[in-house]
């Protein structure tokens, strides 16, 4: 499921705002969000020039906006959560970024006119959206003809059982998690929005369990329960997610899939 009832959608967004209001600072310093192959590749495939206006949706700590700002005339930095946006603004200004504007915005109801931007980016955020398909349509709506939507997000395996396992541990750790979609779902969302995929790349990210749970401010008891759930999963899950333990038997790390897509508006 990638959409919910209006009431359920509002409840989910309230969860997202609560979660990121509490954890905003940890996302600025997160190695997963501040760097990574997907961020570098997003910049490489963006076909930038210095006259463009870009929009960064659900900016989080502001790292994607920071990466693309040197290549565009202006970047509109948005997030659903006021505290998260304030934290991103502080970070970007500290990095000398002076061509950014900031606005609280819902990815599913962007407060911008049609065909306002040359580039739209969204990185490591869409799994929080109650209605991912609608968010992609909104990204396409605000793009100029010929513009690019650059999307990077965690991705569920195509196997239904592994998909269910992936989304269960993600939501256990962070109740504001909506759904990590499969690659096939992403391809469908882009097609429905009138975006032609010109580039796609699926890679794996390694998540250190202690860092991953600390970033979510997970209580020690829940962290231990989730650790047992992951470690006691079947052999297929251990193999697919490359689950690794330390010498003391505790969970050290595991891998998740990440998809990078480049879609062009006709």
Protein backbone atom coordinates (compact mmCIF):
# COMPACT_ATOMS: atom_id res chain seq x y z
CA UNK A 1 0.00 0.00 0.00
CA UNK A 2 1.31 3.45 -0.90
CA UNK A 3 -1.71 5.53 0.04
CA UNK A 4 -3.97 5.88 3.07
CA UNK A 5 -7.29 7.49 3.95
CA UNK A 6 -7.20 11.27 4.50
CA UNK A 7 -7.37 10.72 8.27
CA UNK A 8 -4.66 8.08 8.13
CA UNK A 9 -2.54 10.33 5.95
CA UNK A 10 -2.82 13.20 8.43
CA UNK A 11 -1.91 10.88 11.31
CA UNK A 12 1.13 9.60 9.42
CA UNK A 13 2.31 13.12 8.64
CA UNK A 14 1.90 14.06 12.29
CA UNK A 15 4.11 11.06 13.17
CA UNK A 16 6.69 12.24 10.65
CA UNK A 17 6.68 15.75 12.10
CA UNK A 18 7.01 14.42 15.64
CA UNK A 19 9.85 12.07 14.71
CA UNK A 20 11.90 14.61 12.78
CA UNK A 21 11.28 17.39 15.31
CA UNK A 22 12.90 15.14 17.92
CA UNK A 23 15.73 13.78 15.76
CA UNK A 24 16.54 16.70 13.43
CA UNK A 25 20.09 17.28 14.64
CA UNK A 26 21.08 13.63 14.22
CA UNK A 27 20.22 13.72 10.52
CA UNK A 28 22.62 16.58 9.86
CA UNK A 29 25.56 14.53 11.19
CA UNK A 30 24.34 11.16 9.83
CA UNK A 31 26.97 9.57 7.57
CA UNK A 32 24.21 7.78 5.65
CA UNK A 33 22.57 11.08 4.74
CA UNK A 34 25.57 13.40 4.46
CA UNK A 35 27.47 11.26 1.96
CA UNK A 36 27.16 8.08 -0.04
CA UNK A 37 27.38 6.80 -3.58
CA UNK A 38 23.78 7.73 -4.34
CA UNK A 39 24.34 11.41 -3.48
CA UNK A 40 27.44 11.58 -5.65
CA UNK A 41 25.65 9.82 -8.52
CA UNK A 42 22.61 12.10 -8.21
CA UNK A 43 24.88 15.08 -8.81
CA UNK A 44 26.67 13.34 -11.68
CA UNK A 45 23.52 12.56 -13.67
CA UNK A 46 21.69 15.84 -13.07
CA UNK A 47 22.70 17.74 -16.26
CA UNK A 48 23.07 20.98 -14.34
CA UNK A 49 23.72 24.52 -15.49
CA UNK A 50 24.02 27.74 -13.56
CA UNK A 51 20.70 29.21 -14.77
CA UNK A 52 18.47 26.49 -13.35
CA UNK A 53 16.00 26.69 -10.50
CA UNK A 54 15.87 23.52 -8.41
CA UNK A 55 13.53 22.19 -5.74
CA UNK A 56 14.65 19.81 -3.01
CA UNK A 57 11.68 17.96 -1.50
CA UNK A 58 11.82 16.69 2.11
CA UNK A 59 15.36 17.97 2.51
CA UNK A 60 16.00 16.43 5.94
CA UNK A 61 19.44 17.62 7.03
CA UNK A 62 19.89 19.58 3.79
CA UNK A 63 22.64 17.45 2.30
CA UNK A 64 21.11 17.08 -1.17
CA UNK A 65 20.46 20.81 -1.34
CA UNK A 66 24.07 21.38 -0.27
CA UNK A 67 25.35 19.09 -3.05
CA UNK A 68 23.37 20.68 -5.88
CA UNK A 69 23.45 24.34 -4.81
CA UNK A 70 26.81 25.09 -6.50
CA UNK A 71 25.41 23.98 -9.85
CA UNK A 72 22.16 26.02 -10.00
CA UNK A 73 21.06 29.63 -9.75
CA UNK A 74 18.60 28.94 -6.93
CA UNK A 75 17.46 25.99 -4.85
CA UNK A 76 14.15 25.95 -3.01
CA UNK A 77 14.65 23.83 0.12
CA UNK A 78 11.50 22.30 1.60
CA UNK A 79 10.44 19.97 4.36
CA UNK A 80 7.18 19.05 6.06
CA UNK A 81 8.69 19.58 9.53
CA UNK A 82 9.47 23.13 10.65
CA UNK A 83 12.23 22.09 13.07
CA UNK A 84 13.89 19.91 10.43
CA UNK A 85 13.84 22.78 7.94
CA UNK A 86 15.30 25.16 10.52
CA UNK A 87 18.10 22.68 11.20
CA UNK A 88 18.78 22.30 7.48
CA UNK A 89 18.85 26.08 7.08
CA UNK A 90 21.42 26.41 9.88
CA UNK A 91 23.55 23.71 8.26
CA UNK A 92 23.39 25.20 4.75
CA UNK A 93 24.21 28.70 5.92
CA UNK A 94 27.16 27.31 7.88
CA UNK A 95 28.38 25.74 4.63
CA UNK A 96 28.30 29.09 2.83
CA UNK A 97 25.26 28.31 0.70
CA UNK A 98 23.75 31.68 -0.25
CA UNK A 99 21.42 30.75 -3.13
CA UNK A 100 18.88 28.76 -1.10
CA UNK A 101 15.33 29.64 -0.11
CA UNK A 102 13.38 27.75 2.54
CA UNK A 103 9.72 26.83 2.79
CA UNK A 104 7.69 24.33 4.80
CA UNK A 105 5.93 22.14 2.23
CA UNK A 106 4.04 18.88 1.97
CA UNK A 107 5.45 16.66 -0.79
CA UNK A 108 1.92 15.61 -1.74
CA UNK A 109 0.63 19.21 -1.98
CA UNK A 110 3.52 21.37 -3.15
CA UNK A 111 2.79 25.12 -2.82
CA UNK A 112 4.32 25.98 -6.20
CA UNK A 113 2.90 26.74 -9.62
CA UNK A 114 3.02 24.30 -12.51
CA UNK A 115 6.32 24.23 -14.41
CA UNK A 116 8.24 26.24 -11.81
CA UNK A 117 11.51 24.26 -11.64
CA UNK A 118 14.15 22.84 -13.95
CA UNK A 119 15.19 20.16 -11.49
CA UNK A 120 13.43 18.44 -8.59
CA UNK A 121 15.29 16.22 -6.12
CA UNK A 122 14.09 13.94 -3.34
CA UNK A 123 16.56 11.75 -1.47
CA UNK A 124 16.04 9.22 1.36
CA UNK A 125 12.63 10.61 2.25
CA UNK A 126 9.85 9.17 0.08
CA UNK A 127 9.41 6.09 2.27
CA UNK A 128 7.80 8.49 4.78
CA UNK A 129 5.14 9.75 2.34
CA UNK A 130 1.62 8.35 2.87
CA UNK A 131 0.85 8.59 -0.88
CA UNK A 132 4.05 8.13 -2.86
CA UNK A 133 2.30 8.13 -6.24
CA UNK A 134 0.77 11.52 -5.51
CA UNK A 135 4.12 12.93 -4.42
CA UNK A 136 5.69 11.82 -7.71
CA UNK A 137 2.84 13.44 -9.65
CA UNK A 138 3.40 16.66 -7.71
CA UNK A 139 7.12 16.58 -8.52
CA UNK A 140 6.24 16.15 -12.19
CA UNK A 141 3.64 18.94 -12.06
CA UNK A 142 6.09 21.56 -10.82
CA UNK A 143 8.76 20.55 -13.34
CA UNK A 144 9.19 22.48 -16.55
CA UNK A 145 8.88 20.47 -19.79
CA UNK A 146 12.18 18.66 -20.29
CA UNK A 147 12.99 19.00 -16.59
CA UNK A 148 14.38 16.17 -14.48
CA UNK A 149 13.16 14.49 -11.31
CA UNK A 150 16.04 12.87 -9.44
CA UNK A 151 14.85 10.36 -6.83
CA UNK A 152 16.88 8.26 -4.42
CA UNK A 153 15.24 6.11 -1.78
CA UNK A 154 15.49 2.85 0.11
CA UNK A 155 13.86 0.08 -1.88
CA UNK A 156 12.14 -3.15 -0.87
CA UNK A 157 13.09 -6.45 -2.52
CA UNK A 158 10.76 -7.78 -5.22
CA UNK A 159 10.21 -10.97 -3.20
CA UNK A 160 7.02 -10.43 -1.12
CA UNK A 161 8.36 -12.12 2.02
CA UNK A 162 11.60 -10.15 1.97
CA UNK A 163 9.61 -7.01 1.18
CA UNK A 164 7.45 -7.60 4.28
CA UNK A 165 10.54 -8.25 6.43
CA UNK A 166 12.25 -5.08 5.18
CA UNK A 167 9.29 -2.84 5.86
CA UNK A 168 8.60 -4.43 9.24
CA UNK A 169 12.05 -3.72 10.68
CA UNK A 170 12.05 -0.21 9.17
CA UNK A 171 8.69 0.66 10.76
CA UNK A 172 9.66 -0.99 14.05
CA UNK A 173 12.65 1.30 14.31
CA UNK A 174 10.73 4.37 13.09
CA UNK A 175 6.90 4.38 13.34
CA UNK A 176 6.76 7.28 10.86
CA UNK A 177 8.11 4.97 8.15
CA UNK A 178 5.46 4.42 5.51
CA UNK A 179 6.74 1.98 2.94
CA UNK A 180 9.96 1.22 1.10
CA UNK A 181 8.59 0.59 -2.39
CA UNK A 182 9.91 -1.94 -4.87
CA UNK A 183 11.66 -0.91 -8.07
CA UNK A 184 8.61 -2.02 -10.07
CA UNK A 185 6.41 0.27 -7.98
CA UNK A 186 8.75 3.20 -8.56
CA UNK A 187 8.77 2.58 -12.29
CA UNK A 188 4.97 2.59 -12.28
CA UNK A 189 4.79 5.84 -10.28
CA UNK A 190 7.10 7.58 -12.75
CA UNK A 191 5.16 6.31 -15.76
CA UNK A 192 1.84 7.44 -14.27
CA UNK A 193 3.28 10.91 -13.67
CA UNK A 194 4.48 11.24 -17.26
CA UNK A 195 8.15 10.88 -16.41
CA UNK A 196 10.38 8.87 -18.73
CA UNK A 197 13.09 7.04 -16.80
CA UNK A 198 16.46 7.68 -18.44
CA UNK A 199 18.65 6.24 -15.69
CA UNK A 200 18.13 3.74 -12.90
CA UNK A 201 20.60 2.21 -10.51
CA UNK A 202 20.05 -0.11 -7.56
CA UNK A 203 22.86 -0.28 -5.02
CA UNK A 204 23.18 -1.44 -1.43
CA UNK A 205 23.74 0.65 1.67
CA UNK A 206 25.33 -0.85 4.76
CA UNK A 207 23.67 0.30 7.99
CA UNK A 208 25.50 0.01 11.29
CA UNK A 209 22.87 -1.18 13.75
CA UNK A 210 24.01 0.94 16.70
CA UNK A 211 24.18 4.13 14.61
CA UNK A 212 20.88 3.37 12.85
CA UNK A 213 18.96 2.91 16.10
CA UNK A 214 20.71 5.78 17.89
CA UNK A 215 19.69 8.18 15.11
CA UNK A 216 16.06 7.21 15.78
CA UNK A 217 16.54 7.62 19.56
CA UNK A 218 15.31 4.06 20.01
CA UNK A 219 14.94 2.97 23.64
CA UNK A 220 17.38 0.25 24.71
CA UNK A 221 14.65 -2.33 25.34
CA UNK A 222 13.09 -1.84 21.91
CA UNK A 223 16.53 -1.84 20.30
CA UNK A 224 17.20 -5.24 21.89
CA UNK A 225 13.82 -6.63 20.78
CA UNK A 226 14.36 -5.47 17.20
CA UNK A 227 17.86 -6.92 17.22
CA UNK A 228 16.46 -10.33 18.19
CA UNK A 229 13.84 -10.11 15.45
CA UNK A 230 16.48 -9.43 12.80
CA UNK A 231 18.96 -12.02 14.09
CA UNK A 232 16.26 -14.70 14.34
CA UNK A 233 15.09 -14.19 10.76
CA UNK A 234 15.44 -17.04 8.28
CA UNK A 235 18.46 -17.85 6.15
CA UNK A 236 17.07 -16.09 3.09
CA UNK A 237 16.79 -12.81 4.98
CA UNK A 238 20.29 -13.23 6.44
CA UNK A 239 21.70 -13.77 2.97
CA UNK A 240 19.77 -11.02 1.17
CA UNK A 241 20.36 -8.31 3.77
CA UNK A 242 23.93 -9.47 4.53
CA UNK A 243 23.21 -9.52 8.26
CA UNK A 244 26.47 -9.45 10.23
CA UNK A 245 27.15 -10.02 13.92
CA UNK A 246 30.01 -8.92 16.14
CA UNK A 247 32.27 -11.29 18.07
CA UNK A 248 29.95 -10.96 21.08
CA UNK A 249 26.97 -12.15 19.02
CA UNK A 250 25.22 -8.79 18.81
CA UNK A 251 24.04 -7.35 15.51
CA UNK A 252 26.69 -5.26 13.80
CA UNK A 253 25.21 -4.28 10.45
CA UNK A 254 22.98 -5.19 7.53
CA UNK A 255 22.39 -3.99 3.98
CA UNK A 256 19.35 -2.44 2.35
CA UNK A 257 18.70 -1.71 -1.31
CA UNK A 258 18.64 1.87 -2.57
CA UNK A 259 17.30 2.99 -5.95
CA UNK A 260 18.36 6.10 -7.87
CA UNK A 261 16.07 7.18 -10.71
CA UNK A 262 16.30 9.99 -13.25
CA UNK A 263 12.98 10.82 -14.88
CA UNK A 264 12.40 13.43 -17.59
CA UNK A 265 9.15 15.29 -18.07
CA UNK A 266 7.99 15.21 -21.68
